Amino acid sequence: MNQIMVRKIVPLLFATFVLMLASFLPANVVHANSLSDIPDRSADEINYLIDKGTVTGYPDGTYRPKNSVTRQEAATMVGRALGLNGTKRSTSFPDVSSSLYASGYIQSAYEQKIITGYPDGTYQPRNEITRGEMAYLISKAFNLDETTGNKYSDVPNSGALSKAIDKVSTAGIANGYPDGSFKPQKSITREEYALLVARGMNPKYKVDGEDLEVIDEKVVSTGILNVRSGPGTNYSKIGQLTEGAVIKIYKEIGSWVMFAYNGSTAYVHGAYIMDKPSNNGGHTIAIDAGHGDHDPGASDNGLVEKEINLDVAKRVRDYLNNSNINVVMTRDDDTFLELDERVDYAVDHGADTFLSIHSNAFPNNEDVSGVETYYSSAALSERAYDSYKLAHFIQNRVVEAMNAKDRGVKDIPYRVIHATPLPSALVELGFVTNDSDAYKLGSSYYRDRAAKAIYLGIVDYYNWKY
């Protein structure tokens, strides 16, 4: 494994361990009570460490939070913590000269079998150390033993790496990313490491501490949402989230929320997030991909409607599978069902809502374009109103996502939405006969945008209904 391996670190007093952070800095650094480039999102933790005399800045008054930590710095940290011989000298690695400031610590750590080199015999001292490698160091230095089976999508279920990451996660010292990953191969920065140290020194900074308990999960409801370092537009923008992203909420601060972001915390405005469906898997929607098999539907500009409908429907299914909404597909391949068979299939399989996905055509006028959604009022009033709301939620989402002309919600008793006893709607994603619409309908990017928009419209509907 091409990484620094920590074989054995004797139990340390934490006061000794935090001295390691000082090894990140060259010899001519100065202490500072206030540094010009401390990020707002980590200001409390870094200033806490400065007050404790744990970290220092550079002579120019900066902290340089984005600087990555290298393998030679990591060896120096371990060496100083363990009291190893740091005298500069020749090493066992051809790429570590005796003049390198960390040569003594690298050689001492190697002799103690604390670190290893690469398979080619080199040490590559200037390589950046990763989040996974730091998990080994932190778990050993803090003598962390407790595990809870934390799992991340990009971390093996077993092995030394998995165990080390589990330990630091269980201790509330490190966490993963909003997408469920840990990114163990990502380089770690001075800012990130300061956060780890502060969390080890003071429980109030821990990501799983009492003051950072996850209180809710919400879904981003706008196309692009700016992520900020603090609860206000005066704070710096540190990233973006896209529509449909699920975030874990720690706190609500006025109209802003604090949430888990990139191993730390960040803020978004509450107006642009919405509740996840609260049905706990109790609701089921039937997704009907229009046409199929010998019935191709509309065709033009090299596009065939049945293929568009099915592709988007399957993408909608995939988005819904990650939510609390169950899905019934009337077809998931190139097959054909009669209109009444589609309705019967949905009802027989326990669906409480029905949505049919189609693409439009206007052969005699290629200028006609846009999105429209249908419902049928020729039914009991409650079902008709539910259908109307479902159609509106989906129409609004798809128009925005496709950047399309809004042709509105229309009351037309098409058989597939009229014959069903369920709240139902039929969405027309665009016109294959219009060049602009056809370009989008043929694009994987826009098909996915349409699918995500339909998913969010369904979530809107269930949140409104239940």
Protein backbone atom coordinates (compact mmCIF):
# COMPACT_ATOMS: atom_id res chain seq x y z
CA MET A 1 0.00 0.00 0.00
CA ASN A 2 1.50 3.32 -1.07
CA GLN A 3 1.03 5.22 2.13
CA ILE A 4 2.61 6.01 5.46
CA MET A 5 1.98 3.10 7.79
CA VAL A 6 1.82 3.72 11.49
CA ARG A 7 2.72 0.42 13.14
CA LYS A 8 2.82 1.40 16.73
CA ILE A 9 2.48 4.68 18.58
CA VAL A 10 2.76 4.59 22.34
CA PRO A 11 -0.01 6.33 24.27
CA LEU A 12 0.71 10.03 24.31
CA LEU A 13 -0.43 12.85 26.48
CA PHE A 14 -2.55 14.97 24.23
CA ALA A 15 -0.44 17.99 25.08
CA THR A 16 2.45 16.21 23.42
CA PHE A 17 0.45 15.29 20.36
CA VAL A 18 -0.76 18.78 19.59
CA LEU A 19 2.85 19.90 19.28
CA MET A 20 2.81 18.00 16.00
CA LEU A 21 0.88 20.76 14.31
CA ALA A 22 3.77 23.15 14.87
CA SER A 23 5.87 20.94 12.64
CA PHE A 24 3.79 22.07 9.69
CA LEU A 25 5.55 25.41 9.82
CA PRO A 26 9.05 26.51 8.88
CA ALA A 27 11.41 27.65 11.58
CA ASN A 28 10.83 31.36 11.03
CA VAL A 29 7.11 31.43 11.79
CA VAL A 30 5.61 33.77 14.32
CA HIS A 31 2.72 33.35 16.67
CA ALA A 32 -0.32 35.41 15.84
CA ASN A 33 -3.50 36.23 17.69
CA SER A 34 -5.32 37.02 14.47
CA LEU A 35 -4.39 35.81 11.00
CA SER A 36 -5.71 37.42 7.84
CA ASP A 37 -6.81 34.31 5.94
CA ILE A 38 -8.49 32.16 8.58
CA PRO A 39 -11.71 30.86 6.94
CA ASP A 40 -14.93 31.90 8.64
CA ARG A 41 -16.13 28.30 8.70
CA SER A 42 -13.21 27.20 10.88
CA ALA A 43 -12.40 30.45 12.66
CA ASP A 44 -13.65 29.26 16.06
CA GLU A 45 -11.48 26.14 16.00
CA ILE A 46 -8.32 27.78 14.64
CA ASN A 47 -8.57 30.78 16.98
CA TYR A 48 -9.13 28.35 19.84
CA LEU A 49 -5.86 26.61 18.92
CA ILE A 50 -4.05 29.94 18.57
CA ASP A 51 -5.25 30.99 22.03
CA LYS A 52 -3.95 27.70 23.39
CA GLY A 53 -0.61 28.26 21.69
CA THR A 54 -1.12 25.10 19.65
CA VAL A 55 -0.82 26.58 16.16
CA THR A 56 0.99 29.56 14.73
CA GLY A 57 0.93 31.53 11.54
CA TYR A 58 3.53 32.64 9.01
CA PRO A 59 5.60 35.83 9.29
CA ASP A 60 3.36 37.58 6.76
CA GLY A 61 0.33 37.18 9.06
CA THR A 62 -1.29 34.34 7.13
CA TYR A 63 -2.33 30.85 8.12
CA ARG A 64 -2.40 29.37 4.58
CA PRO A 65 -5.32 27.03 5.31
CA LYS A 66 -5.38 25.44 1.86
CA ASN A 67 -1.76 24.30 1.97
CA SER A 68 -1.56 20.52 1.83
CA VAL A 69 0.35 18.44 4.37
CA THR A 70 3.25 16.41 2.91
CA ARG A 71 4.80 13.07 3.84
CA GLN A 72 7.92 14.77 5.19
CA GLU A 73 5.78 16.98 7.43
CA ALA A 74 3.89 13.91 8.62
CA ALA A 75 7.17 12.13 9.44
CA THR A 76 8.32 15.23 11.34
CA MET A 77 5.07 15.29 13.30
CA VAL A 78 5.40 11.67 14.34
CA GLY A 79 9.12 12.02 15.05
CA ARG A 80 8.71 15.03 17.32
CA ALA A 81 5.78 13.44 19.12
CA LEU A 82 7.78 10.30 19.82
CA GLY A 83 11.03 12.05 20.63
CA LEU A 84 12.89 10.46 17.72
CA ASN A 85 16.27 11.69 16.55
CA GLY A 86 15.66 14.54 14.13
CA THR A 87 19.28 15.30 13.30
CA LYS A 88 19.61 15.70 9.54
CA ARG A 89 21.52 12.77 8.06
CA SER A 90 21.66 10.22 5.27
CA THR A 91 18.59 8.04 4.85
CA SER A 92 17.61 4.68 3.40
CA PHE A 93 15.65 6.42 0.65
CA PRO A 94 17.40 7.59 -2.53
CA ASP A 95 15.06 10.58 -2.87
CA VAL A 96 15.60 11.88 0.70
CA SER A 97 18.90 13.72 0.89
CA SER A 98 20.73 14.45 4.11
CA SER A 99 20.08 18.16 3.55
CA LEU A 100 16.30 17.76 3.74
CA TYR A 101 15.00 19.31 6.95
CA ALA A 102 12.96 16.18 7.73
CA SER A 103 15.67 13.64 6.83
CA GLY A 104 16.48 12.75 10.43
CA TYR A 105 12.86 12.19 11.39
CA ILE A 106 12.20 10.20 8.20
CA GLN A 107 15.17 7.90 8.87
CA SER A 108 14.36 7.49 12.56
CA ALA A 109 10.70 6.71 11.80
CA TYR A 110 11.80 4.22 9.16
CA GLU A 111 14.20 2.49 11.58
CA GLN A 112 11.38 2.24 14.12
CA LYS A 113 9.17 0.76 11.38
CA ILE A 114 6.64 3.55 11.84
CA ILE A 115 6.67 4.54 8.19
CA THR A 116 7.37 2.74 4.94
CA GLY A 117 8.33 3.82 1.46
CA TYR A 118 6.92 3.02 -1.94
CA PRO A 119 7.50 -0.29 -3.75
CA ASP A 120 10.28 1.27 -5.82
CA GLY A 121 12.23 2.06 -2.66
CA THR A 122 11.54 5.79 -2.66
CA TYR A 123 9.86 7.81 0.07
CA GLN A 124 8.60 10.73 -2.05
CA PRO A 125 8.72 13.22 0.83
CA ARG A 126 6.87 15.96 -1.01
CA ASN A 127 3.85 13.79 -1.81
CA GLU A 128 0.73 15.03 -0.07
CA ILE A 129 -0.64 12.91 2.76
CA THR A 130 -4.26 11.86 2.40
CA ARG A 131 -7.33 11.86 4.62
CA GLY A 132 -7.08 8.10 4.92
CA GLU A 133 -3.44 8.22 6.02
CA MET A 134 -4.20 10.90 8.58
CA ALA A 135 -6.98 8.68 9.95
CA TYR A 136 -4.28 6.19 10.93
CA LEU A 137 -2.26 8.92 12.68
CA ILE A 138 -5.23 10.43 14.50
CA SER A 139 -6.67 7.11 15.62
CA LYS A 140 -3.29 6.04 17.02
CA ALA A 141 -2.35 9.38 18.57
CA PHE A 142 -5.66 9.75 20.37
CA ASN A 143 -5.64 6.07 21.28
CA LEU A 144 -9.09 5.65 19.74
CA ASP A 145 -10.61 2.19 20.09
CA GLU A 146 -14.39 2.54 19.80
CA THR A 147 -16.03 1.67 16.50
CA THR A 148 -19.67 1.77 15.43
CA GLY A 149 -19.48 0.26 11.99
CA ASN A 150 -19.47 3.58 10.16
CA LYS A 151 -19.57 2.90 6.45
CA TYR A 152 -18.69 5.21 3.60
CA SER A 153 -19.37 4.51 -0.06
CA ASP A 154 -15.69 4.74 -1.03
CA VAL A 155 -14.16 2.90 1.97
CA PRO A 156 -13.82 -0.92 2.07
CA ASN A 157 -16.03 -2.69 4.58
CA SER A 158 -13.02 -4.21 6.31
CA GLY A 159 -9.31 -3.71 6.71
CA ALA A 160 -6.98 -1.31 8.48
CA LEU A 161 -8.13 1.75 6.55
CA SER A 162 -11.78 1.05 7.25
CA LYS A 163 -11.09 0.55 10.95
CA ALA A 164 -9.06 3.73 11.30
CA ILE A 165 -11.71 5.83 9.55
CA ASP A 166 -14.41 4.16 11.65
CA LYS A 167 -12.54 5.14 14.83
CA VAL A 168 -12.11 8.82 13.96
CA SER A 169 -15.72 9.00 12.78
CA THR A 170 -17.06 7.33 15.93
CA ALA A 171 -15.04 9.75 18.07
CA GLY A 172 -16.61 12.72 16.30
CA ILE A 173 -13.22 13.95 15.09
CA ALA A 174 -13.77 13.42 11.36
CA ASN A 175 -16.75 12.78 9.16
CA GLY A 176 -17.58 12.22 5.53
CA TYR A 177 -19.05 14.22 2.69
CA PRO A 178 -22.73 14.88 1.94
CA ASP A 179 -22.69 12.26 -0.81
CA GLY A 180 -21.81 9.50 1.70
CA SER A 181 -18.13 9.30 0.79
CA PHE A 182 -15.02 9.85 2.93
CA LYS A 183 -12.55 10.50 0.09
CA PRO A 184 -9.64 8.69 1.79
CA GLN A 185 -7.29 9.50 -1.11
CA LYS A 186 -7.94 13.24 -0.96
CA SER A 187 -5.10 15.40 0.34
CA ILE A 188 -5.61 16.93 3.76
CA THR A 189 -5.04 20.64 4.34
CA ARG A 190 -3.76 22.67 7.28
CA GLU A 191 -7.31 23.87 7.90
CA GLU A 192 -8.70 20.33 8.01
CA TYR A 193 -5.98 19.16 10.32
CA ALA A 194 -6.58 22.10 12.68
CA LEU A 195 -10.22 21.04 12.85
CA LEU A 196 -9.18 17.51 13.82
CA VAL A 197 -6.92 18.79 16.60
CA ALA A 198 -9.54 21.20 17.95
CA ARG A 199 -12.12 18.40 18.02
CA GLY A 200 -9.73 16.22 19.95
CA MET A 201 -8.97 18.94 22.49
CA ASN A 202 -12.48 20.30 23.00
CA PRO A 203 -15.62 18.12 22.71
CA LYS A 204 -17.76 21.09 21.72
CA TYR A 205 -16.10 21.11 18.31
CA LYS A 206 -16.76 17.45 17.59
CA VAL A 207 -18.89 16.81 14.55
CA ASP A 208 -21.03 14.35 16.47
CA GLY A 209 -20.99 16.41 19.65
CA GLU A 210 -24.11 17.37 21.50
CA ASP A 211 -24.25 20.75 19.80
CA LEU A 212 -23.96 19.17 16.34
CA GLU A 213 -26.56 16.45 16.51
CA VAL A 214 -28.32 15.85 13.20
CA ILE A 215 -31.84 17.18 13.65
CA ASP A 216 -33.24 16.74 10.15
CA GLU A 217 -32.52 15.82 6.55
CA LYS A 218 -33.67 18.03 3.70
CA VAL A 219 -33.48 18.17 -0.08
CA VAL A 220 -32.11 21.05 -2.17
CA SER A 221 -35.04 22.42 -4.14
CA THR A 222 -33.36 24.84 -6.54
CA GLY A 223 -31.07 24.31 -9.52
CA ILE A 224 -27.88 25.66 -7.90
CA LEU A 225 -27.61 26.58 -4.22
CA ASN A 226 -24.64 28.53 -2.88
CA VAL A 227 -22.96 27.10 0.21
CA ARG A 228 -21.56 29.73 2.60
CA SER A 229 -19.14 29.72 5.48
CA GLY A 230 -21.62 31.41 7.81
CA PRO A 231 -25.34 32.16 8.19
CA GLY A 232 -25.64 35.11 5.83
CA THR A 233 -24.84 36.40 2.35
CA ASN A 234 -22.01 38.48 3.81
CA TYR A 235 -20.10 35.24 4.44
CA SER A 236 -17.87 33.81 1.75
CA LYS A 237 -19.19 31.31 -0.79
CA ILE A 238 -17.35 28.01 -0.33
CA GLY A 239 -19.20 25.74 -2.71
CA GLN A 240 -22.46 24.84 -4.41
CA LEU A 241 -25.11 22.14 -4.18
CA THR A 242 -27.31 20.99 -7.02
CA GLU A 243 -31.02 20.32 -7.07
CA GLY A 244 -31.98 17.08 -5.34
CA ALA A 245 -28.95 16.86 -3.04
CA VAL A 246 -29.80 15.57 0.45
CA ILE A 247 -28.20 17.42 3.37
CA LYS A 248 -28.01 16.63 7.09
CA ILE A 249 -29.08 19.58 9.23
CA TYR A 250 -27.35 20.37 12.52
CA LYS A 251 -28.89 23.72 13.46
CA GLU A 252 -31.34 26.35 12.28
CA ILE A 253 -30.09 29.91 12.68
CA GLY A 254 -32.83 32.30 11.68
CA SER A 255 -33.58 31.62 8.02
CA TRP A 256 -30.29 29.73 7.57
CA VAL A 257 -29.33 26.16 8.39
CA MET A 258 -26.00 24.61 9.39
CA PHE A 259 -25.31 21.27 7.74
CA ALA A 260 -22.56 18.69 7.23
CA TYR A 261 -20.31 19.70 4.35
CA ASN A 262 -16.92 18.42 3.18
CA GLY A 263 -15.87 17.03 6.53
CA SER A 264 -16.93 20.17 8.41
CA THR A 265 -19.98 22.43 8.59
CA ALA A 266 -21.42 25.06 6.27
CA TYR A 267 -24.62 27.05 5.74
CA VAL A 268 -27.40 27.41 3.17
CA HIS A 269 -30.55 29.51 3.13
CA GLY A 270 -33.61 27.61 4.29
CA ALA A 271 -35.80 28.99 1.50
CA TYR A 272 -34.07 26.74 -1.02
CA ILE A 273 -34.41 23.40 0.72
CA MET A 274 -37.45 21.27 1.37
CA ASP A 275 -38.48 18.33 3.49
CA LYS A 276 -37.77 14.82 2.39
CA PRO A 277 -40.93 12.72 2.02
CA SER A 278 -42.03 11.76 5.52
CA ASN A 279 -43.99 8.65 4.60
CA ASN A 280 -41.21 6.24 5.70
CA GLY A 281 -41.75 4.11 2.62
CA GLY A 282 -45.52 4.02 2.98
CA HIS A 283 -46.37 5.59 -0.37
CA THR A 284 -46.03 4.18 -3.86
CA ILE A 285 -46.16 5.96 -7.19
CA ALA A 286 -46.63 4.25 -10.53
CA ILE A 287 -44.31 5.61 -13.22
CA ASP A 288 -45.65 4.93 -16.69
CA ALA A 289 -43.32 5.28 -19.68
CA GLY A 290 -45.69 6.04 -22.54
CA HIS A 291 -45.92 3.84 -25.67
CA GLY A 292 -43.49 0.93 -26.25
CA ASP A 293 -42.77 -2.02 -28.56
CA HIS A 294 -44.84 -1.74 -31.75
CA ASP A 295 -46.19 1.66 -30.64
CA PRO A 296 -43.25 4.09 -31.02
CA GLY A 297 -45.19 7.26 -30.30
CA ALA A 298 -43.99 10.47 -31.92
CA SER A 299 -40.79 10.62 -33.95
CA ASP A 300 -38.71 13.35 -35.58
CA ASN A 301 -35.18 14.78 -35.58
CA GLY A 302 -33.80 11.27 -35.16
CA LEU A 303 -35.74 10.74 -31.92
CA VAL A 304 -38.37 8.11 -31.05
CA GLU A 305 -40.76 8.96 -28.24
CA LYS A 306 -40.98 5.51 -26.64
CA GLU A 307 -37.20 5.51 -26.09
CA ILE A 308 -37.16 9.00 -24.54
CA ASN A 309 -40.07 8.15 -22.26
CA LEU A 310 -38.48 4.94 -21.01
CA ASP A 311 -35.05 6.48 -20.41
CA VAL A 312 -36.47 9.37 -18.39
CA ALA A 313 -38.85 7.06 -16.49
CA LYS A 314 -35.99 4.79 -15.42
CA ARG A 315 -34.00 7.81 -14.25
CA VAL A 316 -37.00 8.98 -12.22
CA ARG A 317 -37.20 5.51 -10.68
CA ASP A 318 -33.53 5.69 -9.69
CA TYR A 319 -34.00 9.06 -7.98
CA LEU A 320 -37.09 7.82 -6.15
CA ASN A 321 -35.30 4.66 -5.01
CA ASN A 322 -33.03 6.89 -2.92
CA SER A 323 -36.01 8.51 -1.19
CA ASN A 324 -38.84 7.23 0.96
CA ILE A 325 -41.15 6.75 -2.02
CA ASN A 326 -41.75 3.29 -3.47
CA VAL A 327 -41.91 2.90 -7.25
CA VAL A 328 -43.97 0.72 -9.58
CA MET A 329 -42.93 0.75 -13.26
CA THR A 330 -45.63 -0.14 -15.75
CA ARG A 331 -42.79 -1.04 -18.10
CA ASP A 332 -39.01 -1.04 -17.68
CA ASP A 333 -38.13 -2.30 -21.17
CA ASP A 334 -39.42 -2.03 -24.72
CA THR A 335 -42.77 -3.68 -24.09
CA PHE A 336 -46.33 -2.52 -24.65
CA LEU A 337 -49.38 -2.37 -22.41
CA GLU A 338 -52.83 -1.14 -23.32
CA LEU A 339 -53.93 2.02 -21.52
CA ASP A 340 -56.31 0.22 -19.17
CA GLU A 341 -53.67 -2.44 -18.50
CA ARG A 342 -51.31 0.27 -17.28
CA VAL A 343 -53.92 1.54 -14.85
CA ASP A 344 -54.76 -1.96 -13.64
CA TYR A 345 -51.08 -2.78 -13.14
CA ALA A 346 -50.58 0.33 -11.00
CA VAL A 347 -53.63 -0.38 -8.83
CA ASP A 348 -52.86 -4.08 -8.48
CA HIS A 349 -49.35 -3.28 -7.27
CA GLY A 350 -50.47 -0.92 -4.53
CA ALA A 351 -49.75 2.45 -6.12
CA ASP A 352 -51.46 5.46 -4.57
CA THR A 353 -50.43 7.90 -7.31
CA PHE A 354 -49.90 7.61 -11.08
CA LEU A 355 -47.67 9.57 -13.48
CA SER A 356 -47.34 8.98 -17.21
CA ILE A 357 -44.27 10.35 -19.04
CA HIS A 358 -44.51 11.38 -22.71
CA SER A 359 -42.87 13.48 -25.40
CA ASN A 360 -44.89 15.74 -27.69
CA ALA A 361 -45.09 16.44 -31.42
CA PHE A 362 -46.65 19.04 -33.75
CA PRO A 363 -45.81 17.88 -37.30
CA ASN A 364 -47.39 20.87 -39.04
CA ASN A 365 -45.61 23.56 -37.05
CA GLU A 366 -42.03 22.99 -35.93
CA ASP A 367 -42.04 26.29 -34.01
CA VAL A 368 -44.33 24.85 -31.33
CA SER A 369 -42.30 24.04 -28.20
CA GLY A 370 -42.45 23.70 -24.44
CA VAL A 371 -43.61 21.58 -21.54
CA GLU A 372 -47.20 20.87 -20.58
CA THR A 373 -48.80 18.60 -18.00
CA TYR A 374 -52.31 17.15 -17.96
CA TYR A 375 -54.78 16.04 -15.32
CA SER A 376 -58.42 14.99 -15.46
CA SER A 377 -61.12 16.66 -13.40
CA ALA A 378 -63.76 14.18 -14.56
CA ALA A 379 -63.62 12.29 -11.30
CA LEU A 380 -64.38 12.65 -7.63
CA SER A 381 -63.45 16.11 -6.39
CA GLU A 382 -60.69 15.02 -4.00
CA ARG A 383 -58.93 12.89 -6.57
CA ALA A 384 -59.32 15.62 -9.19
CA TYR A 385 -57.78 18.25 -6.91
CA ASP A 386 -54.94 15.93 -5.94
CA SER A 387 -54.30 15.30 -9.64
CA TYR A 388 -54.33 19.02 -10.31
CA LYS A 389 -51.73 19.62 -7.56
CA LEU A 390 -49.55 16.75 -8.78
CA ALA A 391 -49.62 18.17 -12.31
CA HIS A 392 -48.73 21.66 -11.12
CA PHE A 393 -45.82 20.52 -8.96
CA ILE A 394 -44.35 18.53 -11.83
CA GLN A 395 -44.99 21.21 -14.46
CA ASN A 396 -43.24 23.89 -12.41
CA ARG A 397 -40.19 21.71 -11.80
CA VAL A 398 -39.80 20.45 -15.36
CA VAL A 399 -40.21 23.88 -16.97
CA GLU A 400 -37.43 25.28 -14.80
CA ALA A 401 -35.12 22.28 -15.25
CA MET A 402 -35.53 22.18 -19.04
CA ASN A 403 -35.41 25.97 -19.41
CA ALA A 404 -38.49 25.52 -21.57
CA LYS A 405 -41.60 27.41 -22.56
CA ASP A 406 -44.35 26.92 -19.99
CA ARG A 407 -47.42 25.65 -21.86
CA GLY A 408 -49.29 25.23 -18.60
CA VAL A 409 -51.35 22.61 -16.80
CA LYS A 410 -54.37 21.43 -18.77
CA ASP A 411 -57.52 19.54 -17.85
CA ILE A 412 -57.98 16.86 -20.53
CA PRO A 413 -59.44 13.39 -19.79
CA TYR A 414 -56.79 11.28 -21.52
CA ARG A 415 -57.68 7.65 -20.89
CA VAL A 416 -54.59 6.71 -18.88
CA ILE A 417 -55.16 9.52 -16.34
CA HIS A 418 -58.94 9.55 -16.50
CA ALA A 419 -59.60 5.84 -16.05
CA THR A 420 -57.39 5.43 -13.00
CA PRO A 421 -58.92 5.80 -9.52
CA LEU A 422 -55.59 7.28 -8.39
CA PRO A 423 -54.44 10.91 -8.35
CA SER A 424 -52.72 11.06 -11.73
CA ALA A 425 -50.97 13.31 -14.22
CA LEU A 426 -49.37 13.07 -17.67
CA VAL A 427 -46.32 15.20 -18.48
CA GLU A 428 -45.18 16.08 -22.00
CA LEU A 429 -41.46 16.84 -21.77
CA GLY A 430 -41.14 18.75 -25.04
CA PHE A 431 -41.68 18.52 -28.79
CA VAL A 432 -39.55 16.18 -30.89
CA THR A 433 -40.67 18.26 -33.88
CA ASN A 434 -38.99 21.42 -32.51
CA ASP A 435 -35.23 21.71 -33.01
CA SER A 436 -34.50 23.19 -29.57
CA ASP A 437 -36.74 20.79 -27.68
CA ALA A 438 -35.43 17.86 -29.72
CA TYR A 439 -31.85 18.73 -28.85
CA LYS A 440 -32.73 18.58 -25.14
CA LEU A 441 -34.82 15.44 -25.45
CA GLY A 442 -31.92 13.70 -27.15
CA SER A 443 -29.41 14.85 -24.53
CA SER A 444 -28.51 12.63 -21.58
CA TYR A 445 -27.85 15.78 -19.56
CA TYR A 446 -31.33 17.20 -20.10
CA ARG A 447 -33.02 13.83 -19.71
CA ASP A 448 -31.44 13.59 -16.29
CA ARG A 449 -32.52 17.15 -15.47
CA ALA A 450 -36.07 16.25 -16.49
CA ALA A 451 -35.98 13.10 -14.36
CA LYS A 452 -34.66 14.93 -11.33
CA ALA A 453 -37.31 17.63 -11.79
CA ILE A 454 -40.09 15.03 -11.97
CA TYR A 455 -38.69 13.38 -8.84
CA LEU A 456 -38.67 16.71 -7.00
CA GLY A 457 -42.20 17.46 -8.20
CA ILE A 458 -43.34 14.12 -6.79
CA VAL A 459 -41.62 14.95 -3.51
CA ASP A 460 -43.38 18.33 -3.54
CA TYR A 461 -46.68 16.57 -4.02
CA TYR A 462 -46.21 14.05 -1.22
CA ASN A 463 -45.00 16.76 1.16
CA TRP A 464 -48.07 18.81 0.32
CA LYS A 465 -50.43 15.86 0.58
CA TYR A 466 -49.09 14.17 3.71
